[in-house]
Amino acid sequence: KITGEIVGFCEVAMLLDPSSHFGERQGDVHPTIVNLVVSPNHRRRGVASRIINSARNYVAREWDAEDLNLYVEKDNHAAVTLYQRLGFQM
């Protein structure tokens, strides 16, 4: 049932590759998930996976980027598990 309720969102930013050193080529930026939020009432229903897949499709189509990086706290075990299941490497 579509209600128009916002149940989650993903924030993607173009960030400098963490392995780059200051002063290197300015082109070393990559689309990176910096925030992913799903309403507590809608968790464990595949919402986060759908949001991430939509973000991947968007950056491929609009930014011509093959990869999508992410920022996640290593002690956020639920998020780490989700990202690993979706093929991200930590």
Protein backbone atom coordinates (compact mmCIF):
# COMPACT_ATOMS: atom_id res chain seq x y z
CA LYS A 1 0.00 0.00 0.00
CA ILE A 2 1.47 3.34 -1.08
CA THR A 3 0.81 6.08 1.47
CA GLY A 4 3.42 8.72 0.61
CA GLU A 5 5.04 8.27 4.01
CA ILE A 6 8.82 8.68 3.99
CA VAL A 7 10.22 5.51 5.54
CA GLY A 8 13.90 6.05 4.79
CA PHE A 9 16.51 7.94 2.87
CA CYS A 10 20.12 7.76 1.76
CA GLU A 11 22.58 10.62 1.55
CA VAL A 12 25.31 10.30 -1.08
CA ALA A 13 28.20 12.74 -1.37
CA MET A 14 31.19 13.02 -3.66
CA LEU A 15 34.13 12.51 -1.29
CA LEU A 16 37.86 12.36 -1.69
CA ASP A 17 39.16 8.81 -1.71
CA PRO A 18 40.44 8.13 1.84
CA SER A 19 43.60 6.55 0.40
CA SER A 20 44.43 9.78 -1.47
CA HIS A 21 46.95 12.17 -0.04
CA PHE A 22 46.38 15.89 0.21
CA GLY A 23 47.54 17.61 -2.94
CA GLU A 24 46.92 14.69 -5.30
CA ARG A 25 44.75 15.01 -8.37
CA GLN A 26 41.44 16.68 -7.59
CA GLY A 27 39.64 14.05 -9.65
CA ASP A 28 40.05 11.40 -6.94
CA VAL A 29 36.51 11.74 -5.63
CA HIS A 30 33.95 8.98 -5.44
CA PRO A 31 30.23 8.78 -4.68
CA THR A 32 29.95 7.70 -1.06
CA ILE A 33 27.00 6.76 1.13
CA VAL A 34 27.45 8.98 4.18
CA ASN A 35 24.04 8.46 5.77
CA LEU A 36 21.34 5.81 5.52
CA VAL A 37 18.22 6.01 7.68
CA VAL A 38 15.21 3.72 7.86
CA SER A 39 12.28 4.37 10.19
CA PRO A 40 12.31 1.90 13.12
CA ASN A 41 8.79 0.76 12.14
CA HIS A 42 10.03 -0.24 8.68
CA ARG A 43 13.32 -1.97 9.46
CA ARG A 44 14.00 -5.61 8.57
CA ARG A 45 11.66 -5.32 5.56
CA GLY A 46 14.19 -4.76 2.76
CA VAL A 47 13.81 -0.98 2.71
CA ALA A 48 17.54 -0.31 3.21
CA SER A 49 18.48 -2.74 0.45
CA ARG A 50 16.09 -1.05 -1.97
CA ILE A 51 17.40 2.39 -1.04
CA ILE A 52 21.01 1.29 -1.58
CA ASN A 53 20.19 -0.33 -4.91
CA SER A 54 18.42 2.87 -5.99
CA ALA A 55 21.49 4.89 -4.98
CA ARG A 56 23.73 2.55 -6.97
CA ASN A 57 21.52 2.91 -10.03
CA TYR A 58 21.39 6.69 -9.65
CA VAL A 59 25.16 7.21 -9.42
CA ALA A 60 25.71 4.85 -12.36
CA ARG A 61 23.16 6.66 -14.51
CA GLU A 62 23.62 10.29 -13.46
CA TRP A 63 27.27 10.42 -12.40
CA ASP A 64 28.63 7.68 -14.67
CA ALA A 65 30.24 6.03 -11.65
CA GLU A 66 30.86 2.31 -11.49
CA ASP A 67 31.43 2.12 -7.74
CA LEU A 68 29.62 3.39 -4.69
CA ASN A 69 31.70 3.74 -1.55
CA LEU A 70 30.33 4.02 1.95
CA TYR A 71 31.09 5.36 5.37
CA VAL A 72 29.97 3.19 8.29
CA GLU A 73 30.97 2.98 11.92
CA LYS A 74 32.64 -0.40 12.47
CA ASP A 75 30.66 -0.98 15.67
CA ASN A 76 27.35 -0.61 13.80
CA HIS A 77 27.08 -4.36 13.35
CA ALA A 78 23.64 -4.35 11.72
CA ALA A 79 24.80 -1.88 9.06
CA VAL A 80 28.09 -3.71 8.46
CA THR A 81 26.18 -6.98 7.99
CA LEU A 82 23.77 -5.33 5.56
CA TYR A 83 26.53 -3.74 3.49
CA GLN A 84 28.54 -6.96 3.35
CA ARG A 85 25.43 -8.88 2.21
CA LEU A 86 25.04 -6.30 -0.58
CA GLY A 87 28.63 -6.87 -1.74
CA PHE A 88 30.46 -3.99 -0.08
CA GLN A 89 33.91 -4.75 1.28
CA MET A 90 34.88 -3.38 4.66
